[in-house]
C-alpha cells in the first residue's frame, strides 16, 4: 500500500512538472504571436523560466525520472526543430543548439550527481547566468561588443554572467555547509565565476548550456576534498 502511494505521488509530481514546462512553452508561443516577445527574448524567456523550474525537480521526483524526462526533452527538441509545432526558437538568426544541449544537461547532471543542491546550482547557473546575461547584453550592451569564433558577445553580457554566477554560487553555496568546508566555499566564490564566464564566452552554438552545468558540478565535487 505504501509503495503504491509513493508511485502515485511520483507520477503526480512528474505530470505536474511536465505540465509546468509545457505551460512555459505555450506561454512563449502566445507571447510571440502577440509580438510581446520576439527573437532572442522569446527564446531566453523559455530558457530562464523553464530552466529555473527544472533546477528544483529533485525535490519533486526521483533521479531516474529526471534522467528519462531529460532524454525525452532532447528527443522533443530534435523533433520540434523539424515540425515547428512550437516556434520559440523563431526569429533567432544565429545558429544555436542551446535548447537541445540544455535538455541534455538536465539528464546528464541527473546521472552525475545525487546531491539535490548540486543539481540545483548547476542548472540554475545555465538558466539564470547564461539566460539573463544574453538578454542584458542585447538590451544594453550592443554598443560594446566583440566576437568569439565569429559569434557576437557583449561586454555587458559577459559582466552579467560573472555577476549572476557569483550570486548563485555565493548564496547557494551557503546551503551546502554539510558538503563543503568554508575553505571550499571561498574557493568556489573566487574561482568558479571567472571560469564560468570564460566557458560561456567560448561555448558557441549553445555548447555553454551543457558545459556550464558540468563545470559547476566538477567544481563542487573538487572542493569537497579541501
N, C-alpha and C. Protein backbone atom coordinates (compact mmCIF):
# COMPACT_ATOMS: atom_id res chain seq x y z
N UNK A 1 0.83 -1.21 0.00
CA UNK A 1 0.00 0.00 0.00
C UNK A 1 0.86 1.26 0.00
N UNK A 2 1.92 1.25 0.83
CA UNK A 2 2.84 2.39 0.90
C UNK A 2 3.53 2.59 -0.43
N UNK A 3 3.94 1.47 -1.05
CA UNK A 3 4.64 1.54 -2.34
C UNK A 3 3.73 2.14 -3.41
N UNK A 4 2.46 1.77 -3.39
CA UNK A 4 1.50 2.28 -4.36
C UNK A 4 1.32 3.79 -4.19
N UNK A 5 1.24 4.24 -2.92
CA UNK A 5 1.08 5.66 -2.64
C UNK A 5 2.29 6.45 -3.14
N UNK A 6 3.49 5.89 -2.93
CA UNK A 6 4.71 6.55 -3.37
C UNK A 6 4.76 6.64 -4.90
N UNK A 7 4.32 5.56 -5.56
CA UNK A 7 4.29 5.56 -7.01
C UNK A 7 3.29 6.59 -7.55
N UNK A 8 2.14 6.69 -6.90
CA UNK A 8 1.13 7.66 -7.31
C UNK A 8 1.64 9.09 -7.11
N UNK A 9 2.33 9.31 -5.98
CA UNK A 9 2.87 10.62 -5.69
C UNK A 9 3.94 11.00 -6.72
N UNK A 10 4.78 10.01 -7.07
CA UNK A 10 5.81 10.24 -8.08
C UNK A 10 5.19 10.58 -9.43
N UNK A 11 4.16 9.84 -9.80
CA UNK A 11 3.50 10.06 -11.08
C UNK A 11 2.84 11.45 -11.13
N UNK A 12 2.20 11.83 -10.04
CA UNK A 12 1.57 13.16 -9.99
C UNK A 12 2.63 14.26 -10.09
N UNK A 13 3.77 14.05 -9.43
CA UNK A 13 4.85 15.03 -9.49
C UNK A 13 5.39 15.17 -10.91
N UNK A 14 5.55 14.04 -11.58
CA UNK A 14 6.04 14.06 -12.96
C UNK A 14 5.08 14.80 -13.86
N UNK A 15 3.80 14.49 -13.72
CA UNK A 15 2.77 15.15 -14.54
C UNK A 15 2.78 16.65 -14.29
N UNK A 16 2.85 17.05 -13.02
CA UNK A 16 2.85 18.47 -12.66
C UNK A 16 4.06 19.19 -13.25
N UNK A 17 5.22 18.55 -13.18
CA UNK A 17 6.45 19.16 -13.71
C UNK A 17 6.40 19.29 -15.23
N UNK A 18 5.88 18.26 -15.89
CA UNK A 18 5.77 18.31 -17.35
C UNK A 18 4.76 19.36 -17.78
N UNK A 19 3.66 19.46 -17.06
CA UNK A 19 2.66 20.48 -17.37
C UNK A 19 3.26 21.88 -17.19
N UNK A 20 4.09 22.03 -16.16
CA UNK A 20 4.74 23.32 -15.91
C UNK A 20 5.62 23.74 -17.07
N UNK A 21 6.45 22.82 -17.56
CA UNK A 21 7.34 23.12 -18.69
C UNK A 21 6.53 23.41 -19.95
N UNK A 22 5.48 22.59 -20.18
CA UNK A 22 4.64 22.79 -21.36
C UNK A 22 3.94 24.15 -21.29
N UNK A 23 3.55 24.56 -20.10
CA UNK A 23 2.89 25.86 -19.93
C UNK A 23 3.84 27.00 -20.30
N UNK A 24 5.12 26.85 -19.95
CA UNK A 24 6.12 27.87 -20.31
C UNK A 24 6.27 27.95 -21.83
N UNK A 25 6.33 26.78 -22.48
CA UNK A 25 6.47 26.75 -23.94
C UNK A 25 5.26 27.38 -24.63
N UNK A 26 4.07 27.05 -24.15
CA UNK A 26 2.85 27.61 -24.74
C UNK A 26 2.78 29.12 -24.49
N UNK A 27 3.19 29.54 -23.29
CA UNK A 27 3.20 30.98 -22.98
C UNK A 27 4.12 31.73 -23.94
N UNK A 28 5.29 31.16 -24.20
CA UNK A 28 6.22 31.78 -25.13
C UNK A 28 5.62 31.86 -26.53
N UNK A 29 4.88 30.81 -26.91
CA UNK A 29 4.22 30.80 -28.21
C UNK A 29 3.17 31.91 -28.30
N UNK A 30 2.36 32.04 -27.27
CA UNK A 30 1.31 33.06 -27.25
C UNK A 30 1.91 34.46 -27.24
N UNK A 31 2.91 34.67 -26.40
CA UNK A 31 3.56 35.99 -26.31
C UNK A 31 4.24 36.34 -27.62
N UNK A 32 4.76 35.31 -28.31
CA UNK A 32 5.39 35.55 -29.60
C UNK A 32 4.39 35.96 -30.65
N UNK A 33 3.24 35.29 -30.69
CA UNK A 33 2.21 35.61 -31.68
C UNK A 33 1.63 37.00 -31.47
N UNK A 34 1.59 37.43 -30.21
CA UNK A 34 1.07 38.77 -29.91
C UNK A 34 2.19 39.83 -29.92
N UNK A 35 3.38 39.39 -30.34
CA UNK A 35 4.54 40.28 -30.50
C UNK A 35 4.96 40.96 -29.21
N UNK A 36 4.67 40.29 -28.09
CA UNK A 36 5.15 40.79 -26.80
C UNK A 36 6.62 40.42 -26.62
N UNK A 37 6.96 39.21 -27.04
CA UNK A 37 8.34 38.74 -27.02
C UNK A 37 8.74 38.34 -28.43
N UNK A 38 9.93 38.75 -28.84
CA UNK A 38 10.40 38.41 -30.17
C UNK A 38 11.83 37.87 -30.12
N UNK A 39 12.16 37.08 -31.12
CA UNK A 39 13.53 36.64 -31.33
C UNK A 39 14.21 36.07 -30.10
N UNK A 40 15.35 36.66 -29.77
CA UNK A 40 16.18 36.17 -28.67
C UNK A 40 15.47 36.28 -27.33
N UNK A 41 14.66 37.32 -27.14
CA UNK A 41 13.94 37.49 -25.87
C UNK A 41 12.94 36.34 -25.66
N UNK A 42 12.33 35.92 -26.73
CA UNK A 42 11.37 34.82 -26.67
C UNK A 42 12.06 33.52 -26.27
N UNK A 43 13.20 33.28 -26.88
CA UNK A 43 13.96 32.06 -26.58
C UNK A 43 14.48 32.09 -25.15
N UNK A 44 14.98 33.25 -24.72
CA UNK A 44 15.53 33.35 -23.37
C UNK A 44 14.44 33.31 -22.30
N UNK A 45 13.23 33.71 -22.65
CA UNK A 45 12.10 33.56 -21.73
C UNK A 45 11.92 32.09 -21.35
N UNK A 46 11.91 31.23 -22.37
CA UNK A 46 11.80 29.78 -22.13
C UNK A 46 13.00 29.28 -21.36
N UNK A 47 14.18 29.75 -21.77
CA UNK A 47 15.44 29.32 -21.16
C UNK A 47 15.47 29.60 -19.65
N UNK A 48 15.12 30.83 -19.29
CA UNK A 48 15.21 31.25 -17.88
C UNK A 48 14.11 30.63 -17.03
N UNK A 49 12.86 30.72 -17.48
CA UNK A 49 11.73 30.25 -16.67
C UNK A 49 11.73 28.73 -16.55
N UNK A 50 11.82 28.04 -17.68
CA UNK A 50 11.81 26.57 -17.65
C UNK A 50 13.04 26.03 -16.94
N UNK A 51 14.21 26.61 -17.22
CA UNK A 51 15.44 26.14 -16.58
C UNK A 51 15.42 26.30 -15.07
N UNK A 52 14.92 27.45 -14.60
CA UNK A 52 14.84 27.69 -13.15
C UNK A 52 13.87 26.72 -12.49
N UNK A 53 12.78 26.40 -13.17
CA UNK A 53 11.80 25.44 -12.65
C UNK A 53 12.41 24.04 -12.58
N UNK A 54 13.09 23.64 -13.64
CA UNK A 54 13.71 22.31 -13.70
C UNK A 54 14.77 22.14 -12.62
N UNK A 55 15.44 23.22 -12.25
CA UNK A 55 16.50 23.15 -11.24
C UNK A 55 16.00 22.61 -9.90
N UNK A 56 14.70 22.70 -9.66
CA UNK A 56 14.13 22.25 -8.38
C UNK A 56 13.44 20.88 -8.49
N UNK A 57 13.54 20.24 -9.63
CA UNK A 57 12.90 18.94 -9.82
C UNK A 57 13.34 17.86 -8.83
N UNK A 58 14.60 17.83 -8.39
CA UNK A 58 15.00 16.75 -7.47
C UNK A 58 14.18 16.70 -6.18
N UNK A 59 13.55 17.80 -5.82
CA UNK A 59 12.71 17.80 -4.61
C UNK A 59 11.29 17.29 -4.89
N UNK A 60 11.00 17.02 -6.15
CA UNK A 60 9.65 16.58 -6.51
C UNK A 60 9.59 15.18 -7.11
N UNK A 61 10.70 14.70 -7.67
CA UNK A 61 10.69 13.39 -8.32
C UNK A 61 12.04 12.70 -8.19
N UNK A 62 12.08 11.43 -8.54
CA UNK A 62 13.30 10.64 -8.41
C UNK A 62 14.32 11.02 -9.48
N UNK A 63 15.58 10.64 -9.22
CA UNK A 63 16.63 10.91 -10.19
C UNK A 63 16.39 10.17 -11.49
N UNK A 64 15.90 8.95 -11.41
CA UNK A 64 15.63 8.18 -12.62
C UNK A 64 14.59 8.88 -13.49
N UNK A 65 13.57 9.46 -12.87
CA UNK A 65 12.55 10.18 -13.62
C UNK A 65 13.14 11.39 -14.33
N UNK A 66 14.02 12.11 -13.63
CA UNK A 66 14.66 13.29 -14.23
C UNK A 66 15.53 12.87 -15.40
N UNK A 67 16.26 11.77 -15.24
CA UNK A 67 17.11 11.28 -16.32
C UNK A 67 16.29 10.96 -17.57
N UNK A 68 15.19 10.27 -17.37
CA UNK A 68 14.34 9.85 -18.50
C UNK A 68 13.67 11.06 -19.15
N UNK A 69 13.14 11.96 -18.32
CA UNK A 69 12.47 13.15 -18.85
C UNK A 69 13.45 14.03 -19.61
N UNK A 70 14.68 14.14 -19.09
CA UNK A 70 15.71 14.91 -19.78
C UNK A 70 15.97 14.38 -21.17
N UNK A 71 16.10 13.07 -21.30
CA UNK A 71 16.32 12.45 -22.61
C UNK A 71 15.10 12.63 -23.51
N UNK A 72 13.91 12.54 -22.91
CA UNK A 72 12.67 12.75 -23.69
C UNK A 72 12.62 14.18 -24.22
N UNK A 73 13.10 15.14 -23.42
CA UNK A 73 13.11 16.53 -23.86
C UNK A 73 14.08 16.73 -25.02
N UNK A 74 15.20 16.01 -25.00
CA UNK A 74 16.15 16.08 -26.11
C UNK A 74 15.47 15.63 -27.40
N UNK A 75 14.77 14.51 -27.32
CA UNK A 75 14.05 13.99 -28.50
C UNK A 75 12.99 14.98 -28.97
N UNK A 76 12.26 15.55 -28.01
CA UNK A 76 11.22 16.53 -28.35
C UNK A 76 11.81 17.73 -29.06
N UNK A 77 12.94 18.23 -28.56
CA UNK A 77 13.57 19.40 -29.17
C UNK A 77 14.04 19.09 -30.59
N UNK A 78 14.57 17.89 -30.80
CA UNK A 78 15.03 17.50 -32.13
C UNK A 78 13.85 17.40 -33.10
N UNK A 79 12.76 16.78 -32.65
CA UNK A 79 11.57 16.65 -33.49
C UNK A 79 10.95 18.01 -33.77
N UNK A 80 10.89 18.85 -32.73
CA UNK A 80 10.27 20.16 -32.87
C UNK A 80 11.02 21.05 -33.85
N UNK A 81 12.33 20.86 -33.97
CA UNK A 81 13.10 21.65 -34.92
C UNK A 81 12.66 21.38 -36.36
N UNK A 82 12.18 20.17 -36.61
CA UNK A 82 11.71 19.82 -37.95
C UNK A 82 10.24 20.16 -38.15
N UNK A 83 9.42 19.88 -37.12
CA UNK A 83 7.98 20.10 -37.26
C UNK A 83 7.55 21.53 -36.99
N UNK A 84 8.32 22.25 -36.16
CA UNK A 84 7.98 23.62 -35.77
C UNK A 84 6.60 23.71 -35.14
N UNK A 85 6.24 22.71 -34.34
CA UNK A 85 4.97 22.75 -33.62
C UNK A 85 4.95 23.92 -32.65
N UNK A 86 6.08 24.12 -31.97
CA UNK A 86 6.28 25.28 -31.10
C UNK A 86 7.46 26.05 -31.65
N UNK A 87 7.27 27.33 -31.88
CA UNK A 87 8.28 28.10 -32.60
C UNK A 87 9.02 29.09 -31.70
N UNK A 88 9.35 28.65 -30.47
CA UNK A 88 10.02 29.56 -29.55
C UNK A 88 11.44 29.90 -30.00
N UNK A 89 11.99 29.13 -30.95
CA UNK A 89 13.31 29.44 -31.50
C UNK A 89 13.20 30.39 -32.69
N UNK A 90 11.98 30.68 -33.12
CA UNK A 90 11.77 31.53 -34.29
C UNK A 90 12.30 32.93 -34.09
N UNK A 91 12.90 33.48 -35.14
CA UNK A 91 13.42 34.84 -35.08
C UNK A 91 14.86 34.92 -34.61
N UNK A 92 15.45 33.79 -34.19
CA UNK A 92 16.85 33.78 -33.77
C UNK A 92 17.69 33.51 -35.01
N UNK A 93 18.46 34.49 -35.44
CA UNK A 93 19.20 34.40 -36.70
C UNK A 93 20.45 33.53 -36.58
N UNK A 94 21.09 33.55 -35.44
CA UNK A 94 22.33 32.79 -35.29
C UNK A 94 22.05 31.30 -35.13
N UNK A 95 23.02 30.49 -35.50
CA UNK A 95 22.89 29.04 -35.37
C UNK A 95 23.12 28.65 -33.92
N UNK A 96 22.16 27.97 -33.33
CA UNK A 96 22.28 27.56 -31.93
C UNK A 96 21.52 26.26 -31.69
N UNK A 97 22.15 25.40 -30.91
CA UNK A 97 21.52 24.15 -30.49
C UNK A 97 21.36 24.15 -28.97
N UNK A 98 21.24 25.36 -28.43
CA UNK A 98 21.16 25.52 -26.97
C UNK A 98 19.99 24.80 -26.35
N UNK A 99 18.85 24.76 -27.04
CA UNK A 99 17.68 24.07 -26.49
C UNK A 99 17.95 22.58 -26.31
N UNK A 100 18.65 21.99 -27.27
CA UNK A 100 18.99 20.57 -27.19
C UNK A 100 20.01 20.32 -26.09
N UNK A 101 21.03 21.17 -26.03
CA UNK A 101 22.09 20.99 -25.03
C UNK A 101 21.57 21.22 -23.61
N UNK A 102 20.61 22.14 -23.45
CA UNK A 102 20.05 22.36 -22.12
C UNK A 102 19.26 21.14 -21.65
N UNK A 103 18.46 20.58 -22.55
CA UNK A 103 17.71 19.36 -22.21
C UNK A 103 18.66 18.22 -21.89
N UNK A 104 19.75 18.11 -22.67
CA UNK A 104 20.74 17.06 -22.42
C UNK A 104 21.44 17.28 -21.09
N UNK A 105 21.68 18.54 -20.73
CA UNK A 105 22.33 18.86 -19.45
C UNK A 105 21.50 18.38 -18.28
N UNK A 106 20.18 18.48 -18.39
CA UNK A 106 19.29 18.03 -17.32
C UNK A 106 19.49 16.54 -17.05
N UNK A 107 19.50 15.76 -18.11
CA UNK A 107 19.67 14.31 -17.97
C UNK A 107 21.07 13.95 -17.50
N UNK A 108 22.09 14.56 -18.09
CA UNK A 108 23.48 14.26 -17.74
C UNK A 108 23.77 14.60 -16.28
N UNK A 109 23.32 15.77 -15.84
CA UNK A 109 23.54 16.17 -14.44
C UNK A 109 22.84 15.23 -13.47
N UNK A 110 21.66 14.74 -13.87
CA UNK A 110 20.93 13.79 -13.01
C UNK A 110 21.65 12.45 -12.94
N UNK A 111 22.42 12.11 -13.98
CA UNK A 111 23.23 10.89 -13.96
C UNK A 111 24.49 11.07 -13.11
N UNK A 112 25.05 12.28 -13.12
CA UNK A 112 26.35 12.52 -12.49
C UNK A 112 26.29 12.82 -11.00
N UNK A 113 25.16 13.30 -10.51
CA UNK A 113 25.07 13.65 -9.09
C UNK A 113 23.77 13.15 -8.47
N UNK A 114 23.85 12.89 -7.19
CA UNK A 114 22.65 12.55 -6.41
C UNK A 114 22.47 13.56 -5.28
N UNK A 115 23.20 14.67 -5.39
CA UNK A 115 23.07 15.77 -4.44
C UNK A 115 22.08 16.79 -5.01
N UNK A 116 20.95 16.95 -4.37
CA UNK A 116 19.91 17.84 -4.89
C UNK A 116 20.41 19.27 -5.08
N UNK A 117 21.15 19.77 -4.10
CA UNK A 117 21.63 21.14 -4.16
C UNK A 117 22.63 21.31 -5.30
N UNK A 118 23.49 20.31 -5.53
CA UNK A 118 24.47 20.39 -6.59
C UNK A 118 23.78 20.48 -7.95
N UNK A 119 22.77 19.65 -8.15
CA UNK A 119 21.99 19.69 -9.39
C UNK A 119 21.33 21.05 -9.54
N UNK A 120 20.77 21.54 -8.46
CA UNK A 120 20.08 22.83 -8.46
C UNK A 120 21.01 23.96 -8.90
N UNK A 121 22.20 24.02 -8.31
CA UNK A 121 23.14 25.08 -8.63
C UNK A 121 23.65 24.96 -10.07
N UNK A 122 23.83 23.73 -10.53
CA UNK A 122 24.32 23.51 -11.89
C UNK A 122 23.32 23.99 -12.93
N UNK A 123 22.05 23.65 -12.75
CA UNK A 123 21.03 24.03 -13.72
C UNK A 123 20.67 25.52 -13.59
N UNK A 124 20.63 26.03 -12.37
CA UNK A 124 20.37 27.46 -12.19
C UNK A 124 21.45 28.30 -12.86
N UNK A 125 22.66 27.79 -12.85
CA UNK A 125 23.77 28.51 -13.46
C UNK A 125 23.49 28.80 -14.93
N UNK A 126 23.10 27.78 -15.66
CA UNK A 126 22.85 27.97 -17.09
C UNK A 126 21.51 28.68 -17.32
N UNK A 127 20.53 28.43 -16.46
CA UNK A 127 19.21 29.05 -16.63
C UNK A 127 19.29 30.56 -16.40
N UNK A 128 19.94 30.99 -15.33
CA UNK A 128 19.96 32.40 -14.96
C UNK A 128 21.17 33.15 -15.50
N UNK A 129 22.37 32.65 -15.22
CA UNK A 129 23.58 33.37 -15.63
C UNK A 129 23.65 33.50 -17.14
N UNK A 130 23.46 32.39 -17.84
CA UNK A 130 23.53 32.43 -19.30
C UNK A 130 22.29 33.10 -19.89
N UNK A 131 21.12 32.75 -19.38
CA UNK A 131 19.88 33.29 -19.94
C UNK A 131 19.72 34.78 -19.75
N UNK A 132 19.88 35.25 -18.52
CA UNK A 132 19.71 36.68 -18.24
C UNK A 132 20.83 37.52 -18.85
N UNK A 133 22.04 36.98 -18.87
CA UNK A 133 23.17 37.72 -19.42
C UNK A 133 22.96 38.02 -20.90
N UNK A 134 22.41 37.06 -21.63
CA UNK A 134 22.15 37.28 -23.06
C UNK A 134 21.14 38.39 -23.25
N UNK A 135 20.08 38.37 -22.45
CA UNK A 135 19.06 39.41 -22.55
C UNK A 135 19.62 40.79 -22.20
N UNK A 136 20.45 40.85 -21.16
CA UNK A 136 21.06 42.11 -20.75
C UNK A 136 22.00 42.63 -21.83
N UNK A 137 22.77 41.72 -22.40
CA UNK A 137 23.70 42.12 -23.45
C UNK A 137 23.00 42.69 -24.67
N UNK A 138 21.90 42.06 -25.08
CA UNK A 138 21.14 42.53 -26.24
C UNK A 138 20.48 43.87 -25.95
N UNK A 139 19.96 44.02 -24.74
CA UNK A 139 19.23 45.24 -24.39
C UNK A 139 20.14 46.44 -24.20
N UNK A 140 21.27 46.25 -23.52
CA UNK A 140 22.08 47.39 -23.12
C UNK A 140 23.50 47.41 -23.68
N UNK A 141 23.98 46.28 -24.19
CA UNK A 141 25.41 46.21 -24.47
C UNK A 141 25.84 46.10 -25.91
N UNK A 142 24.94 46.31 -26.87
CA UNK A 142 25.32 46.11 -28.27
C UNK A 142 26.32 47.14 -28.78
N UNK A 143 26.50 48.25 -28.07
CA UNK A 143 27.50 49.24 -28.47
C UNK A 143 28.90 48.86 -28.00
N UNK A 144 28.98 47.87 -27.10
CA UNK A 144 30.27 47.36 -26.64
C UNK A 144 30.30 45.85 -26.88
N UNK A 145 30.66 45.47 -28.08
CA UNK A 145 30.61 44.06 -28.44
C UNK A 145 31.94 43.58 -29.03
N UNK A 146 32.10 42.29 -29.04
CA UNK A 146 33.30 41.66 -29.61
C UNK A 146 32.89 40.29 -30.13
N UNK A 147 33.78 39.63 -30.83
CA UNK A 147 33.46 38.34 -31.42
C UNK A 147 34.35 37.23 -30.88
N UNK A 148 33.74 36.06 -30.67
CA UNK A 148 34.47 34.86 -30.28
C UNK A 148 34.10 33.78 -31.29
N UNK A 149 35.09 33.34 -32.08
CA UNK A 149 34.83 32.37 -33.15
C UNK A 149 33.72 32.85 -34.08
N UNK A 150 33.68 34.15 -34.33
CA UNK A 150 32.68 34.70 -35.23
C UNK A 150 31.33 34.97 -34.60
N UNK A 151 31.15 34.65 -33.32
CA UNK A 151 29.88 34.86 -32.63
C UNK A 151 29.97 36.14 -31.79
N UNK A 152 28.94 36.96 -31.90
CA UNK A 152 28.94 38.26 -31.20
C UNK A 152 28.71 38.08 -29.70
N UNK A 153 29.56 38.71 -28.92
CA UNK A 153 29.43 38.77 -27.46
C UNK A 153 29.44 40.24 -27.05
N UNK A 154 28.86 40.54 -25.90
CA UNK A 154 28.88 41.92 -25.41
C UNK A 154 29.59 42.00 -24.06
N UNK A 155 30.20 43.16 -23.82
CA UNK A 155 30.89 43.37 -22.55
C UNK A 155 29.90 43.31 -21.39
N UNK A 156 28.74 43.95 -21.57
CA UNK A 156 27.73 43.94 -20.51
C UNK A 156 27.23 42.51 -20.24
N UNK A 157 27.03 41.75 -21.30
CA UNK A 157 26.58 40.38 -21.14
C UNK A 157 27.60 39.53 -20.40
N UNK A 158 28.87 39.72 -20.74
CA UNK A 158 29.94 38.97 -20.08
C UNK A 158 30.04 39.35 -18.60
N UNK A 159 29.93 40.64 -18.30
CA UNK A 159 29.94 41.09 -16.91
C UNK A 159 28.75 40.52 -16.14
N UNK A 160 27.61 40.43 -16.82
CA UNK A 160 26.41 39.88 -16.18
C UNK A 160 26.58 38.40 -15.86
N UNK A 161 27.22 37.65 -16.75
CA UNK A 161 27.49 36.23 -16.49
C UNK A 161 28.30 36.09 -15.21
N UNK A 162 29.36 36.89 -15.08
CA UNK A 162 30.21 36.81 -13.89
C UNK A 162 29.42 37.18 -12.63
N UNK A 163 28.67 38.27 -12.69
CA UNK A 163 27.96 38.75 -11.50
C UNK A 163 26.87 37.77 -11.07
N UNK A 164 26.07 37.28 -12.02
CA UNK A 164 24.99 36.36 -11.68
C UNK A 164 25.56 35.04 -11.19
N UNK A 165 26.66 34.59 -11.81
CA UNK A 165 27.33 33.37 -11.34
C UNK A 165 27.80 33.53 -9.90
N UNK A 166 28.37 34.69 -9.62
CA UNK A 166 28.83 34.99 -8.26
C UNK A 166 27.68 34.93 -7.27
N UNK A 167 26.54 35.49 -7.64
CA UNK A 167 25.36 35.49 -6.75
C UNK A 167 24.86 34.07 -6.51
N UNK A 168 24.78 33.29 -7.57
CA UNK A 168 24.28 31.91 -7.44
C UNK A 168 25.19 31.07 -6.56
N UNK A 169 26.49 31.16 -6.81
CA UNK A 169 27.45 30.37 -6.04
C UNK A 169 27.53 30.86 -4.60
N UNK A 170 27.53 32.18 -4.41
CA UNK A 170 27.65 32.74 -3.06
C UNK A 170 26.46 32.37 -2.19
N UNK A 171 25.25 32.54 -2.73
CA UNK A 171 24.04 32.26 -1.95
C UNK A 171 23.79 30.76 -1.86
N UNK A 172 23.82 30.07 -3.00
CA UNK A 172 23.56 28.63 -3.00
C UNK A 172 24.58 27.85 -2.20
N UNK A 173 25.85 28.29 -2.27
CA UNK A 173 26.91 27.59 -1.55
C UNK A 173 26.72 27.60 -0.05
N UNK A 174 26.02 28.60 0.47
CA UNK A 174 25.76 28.68 1.91
C UNK A 174 24.93 27.50 2.40
N UNK A 175 24.09 26.96 1.53
CA UNK A 175 23.24 25.83 1.91
C UNK A 175 23.96 24.49 1.79
N UNK A 176 25.21 24.53 1.29
CA UNK A 176 25.98 23.30 1.13
C UNK A 176 26.98 23.12 2.27
N UNK A 177 26.65 23.68 3.43
CA UNK A 177 27.59 23.65 4.56
C UNK A 177 27.90 22.23 5.06
N UNK A 178 27.02 21.28 4.77
CA UNK A 178 27.29 19.89 5.18
C UNK A 178 28.16 19.16 4.16
N UNK A 179 28.28 19.71 2.95
CA UNK A 179 29.06 19.05 1.91
C UNK A 179 30.43 19.67 1.69
N UNK A 180 30.54 20.99 1.89
CA UNK A 180 31.82 21.65 1.64
C UNK A 180 32.22 22.49 2.85
N UNK A 181 33.53 22.66 3.02
CA UNK A 181 34.07 23.45 4.13
C UNK A 181 34.05 24.94 3.77
N UNK A 182 34.39 25.77 4.75
CA UNK A 182 34.45 27.21 4.48
C UNK A 182 35.53 27.51 3.45
N UNK A 183 36.66 26.78 3.52
CA UNK A 183 37.73 26.98 2.53
C UNK A 183 37.22 26.62 1.13
N UNK A 184 36.51 25.51 1.05
CA UNK A 184 35.95 25.11 -0.24
C UNK A 184 34.97 26.14 -0.77
N UNK A 185 34.16 26.68 0.11
CA UNK A 185 33.19 27.71 -0.26
C UNK A 185 33.92 28.95 -0.79
N UNK A 186 34.97 29.37 -0.10
CA UNK A 186 35.73 30.55 -0.51
C UNK A 186 36.37 30.34 -1.89
N UNK A 187 36.89 29.15 -2.11
CA UNK A 187 37.50 28.84 -3.42
C UNK A 187 36.45 28.90 -4.52
N UNK A 188 35.29 28.34 -4.26
CA UNK A 188 34.21 28.37 -5.24
C UNK A 188 33.83 29.80 -5.62
N UNK A 189 33.63 30.63 -4.60
CA UNK A 189 33.19 32.01 -4.83
C UNK A 189 34.23 32.80 -5.62
N UNK A 190 35.51 32.57 -5.35
CA UNK A 190 36.57 33.33 -6.00
C UNK A 190 36.91 32.80 -7.40
N UNK A 191 36.90 31.50 -7.54
CA UNK A 191 37.43 30.88 -8.77
C UNK A 191 36.35 30.52 -9.79
N UNK A 192 35.21 30.00 -9.32
CA UNK A 192 34.22 29.46 -10.26
C UNK A 192 33.57 30.51 -11.17
N UNK A 193 33.13 31.67 -10.66
CA UNK A 193 32.50 32.65 -11.57
C UNK A 193 33.38 33.08 -12.75
N UNK A 194 34.68 33.39 -12.55
CA UNK A 194 35.50 33.74 -13.72
C UNK A 194 35.63 32.59 -14.72
N UNK A 195 35.75 31.35 -14.21
CA UNK A 195 35.86 30.20 -15.11
C UNK A 195 34.58 30.03 -15.91
N UNK A 196 33.44 30.17 -15.25
CA UNK A 196 32.16 30.04 -15.93
C UNK A 196 31.97 31.14 -16.97
N UNK A 197 32.49 32.32 -16.69
CA UNK A 197 32.41 33.42 -17.65
C UNK A 197 33.18 33.08 -18.92
N UNK A 198 34.35 32.50 -18.75
CA UNK A 198 35.16 32.08 -19.91
C UNK A 198 34.46 30.96 -20.68
N UNK A 199 33.91 30.00 -19.95
CA UNK A 199 33.19 28.90 -20.59
C UNK A 199 32.01 29.42 -21.40
N UNK A 200 31.27 30.38 -20.84
CA UNK A 200 30.13 30.94 -21.56
C UNK A 200 30.58 31.66 -22.82
N UNK A 201 31.71 32.33 -22.75
CA UNK A 201 32.21 33.06 -23.91
C UNK A 201 32.60 32.14 -25.05
N UNK A 202 33.23 31.03 -24.72
CA UNK A 202 33.73 30.12 -25.76
C UNK A 202 32.74 29.00 -26.09
N UNK A 203 31.63 28.95 -25.37
CA UNK A 203 30.63 27.91 -25.63
C UNK A 203 29.69 28.30 -26.76
N UNK A 204 30.21 28.34 -27.98
CA UNK A 204 29.43 28.77 -29.13
C UNK A 204 28.46 27.66 -29.56
N UNK A 205 27.49 28.04 -30.37
CA UNK A 205 26.44 27.13 -30.87
C UNK A 205 25.58 26.54 -29.75
N UNK A 206 25.62 27.16 -28.56
CA UNK A 206 24.82 26.67 -27.45
C UNK A 206 25.50 25.63 -26.59
N UNK A 207 26.77 25.35 -26.87
CA UNK A 207 27.50 24.35 -26.08
C UNK A 207 27.66 24.76 -24.62
N UNK A 208 27.61 26.07 -24.35
CA UNK A 208 27.73 26.54 -22.97
C UNK A 208 26.58 26.02 -22.10
N UNK A 209 25.45 25.67 -22.72
CA UNK A 209 24.30 25.19 -21.95
C UNK A 209 24.55 23.85 -21.27
N UNK A 210 25.48 23.08 -21.78
CA UNK A 210 25.84 21.83 -21.11
C UNK A 210 27.20 21.95 -20.44
N UNK A 211 28.07 22.80 -20.98
CA UNK A 211 29.41 22.95 -20.39
C UNK A 211 29.37 23.63 -19.03
N UNK A 212 28.54 24.66 -18.88
CA UNK A 212 28.48 25.39 -17.61
C UNK A 212 27.97 24.53 -16.46
N UNK A 213 26.89 23.76 -16.61
CA UNK A 213 26.47 22.88 -15.51
C UNK A 213 27.52 21.85 -15.13
N UNK A 214 28.23 21.32 -16.13
CA UNK A 214 29.26 20.32 -15.84
C UNK A 214 30.43 20.93 -15.08
N UNK A 215 30.78 22.17 -15.42
CA UNK A 215 31.86 22.87 -14.70
C UNK A 215 31.45 23.11 -13.25
N UNK A 216 30.19 23.49 -13.04
CA UNK A 216 29.70 23.72 -11.68
C UNK A 216 29.77 22.43 -10.86
N UNK A 217 29.28 21.33 -11.43
CA UNK A 217 29.33 20.05 -10.72
C UNK A 217 30.78 19.65 -10.42
N UNK A 218 31.66 19.82 -11.40
CA UNK A 218 33.07 19.49 -11.19
C UNK A 218 33.67 20.31 -10.08
N UNK A 219 33.38 21.61 -10.06
CA UNK A 219 33.90 22.49 -9.02
C UNK A 219 33.39 22.11 -7.64
N UNK A 220 32.12 21.80 -7.53
CA UNK A 220 31.52 21.44 -6.25
C UNK A 220 32.14 20.16 -5.69
N UNK A 221 32.37 19.19 -6.55
CA UNK A 221 32.95 17.92 -6.07
C UNK A 221 34.44 18.07 -5.76
N UNK A 222 35.13 18.93 -6.51
CA UNK A 222 36.55 19.13 -6.25
C UNK A 222 36.81 19.77 -4.90
N UNK A 223 36.00 20.77 -4.53
CA UNK A 223 36.23 21.47 -3.26
C UNK A 223 35.81 20.65 -2.06
N UNK A 224 35.12 19.54 -2.27
CA UNK A 224 34.77 18.67 -1.14
C UNK A 224 36.00 18.07 -0.49
N UNK A 225 37.12 18.02 -1.22
CA UNK A 225 38.34 17.43 -0.68
C UNK A 225 39.23 18.46 0.02
N UNK A 226 38.79 19.73 0.04
CA UNK A 226 39.59 20.77 0.70
C UNK A 226 39.31 20.82 2.19
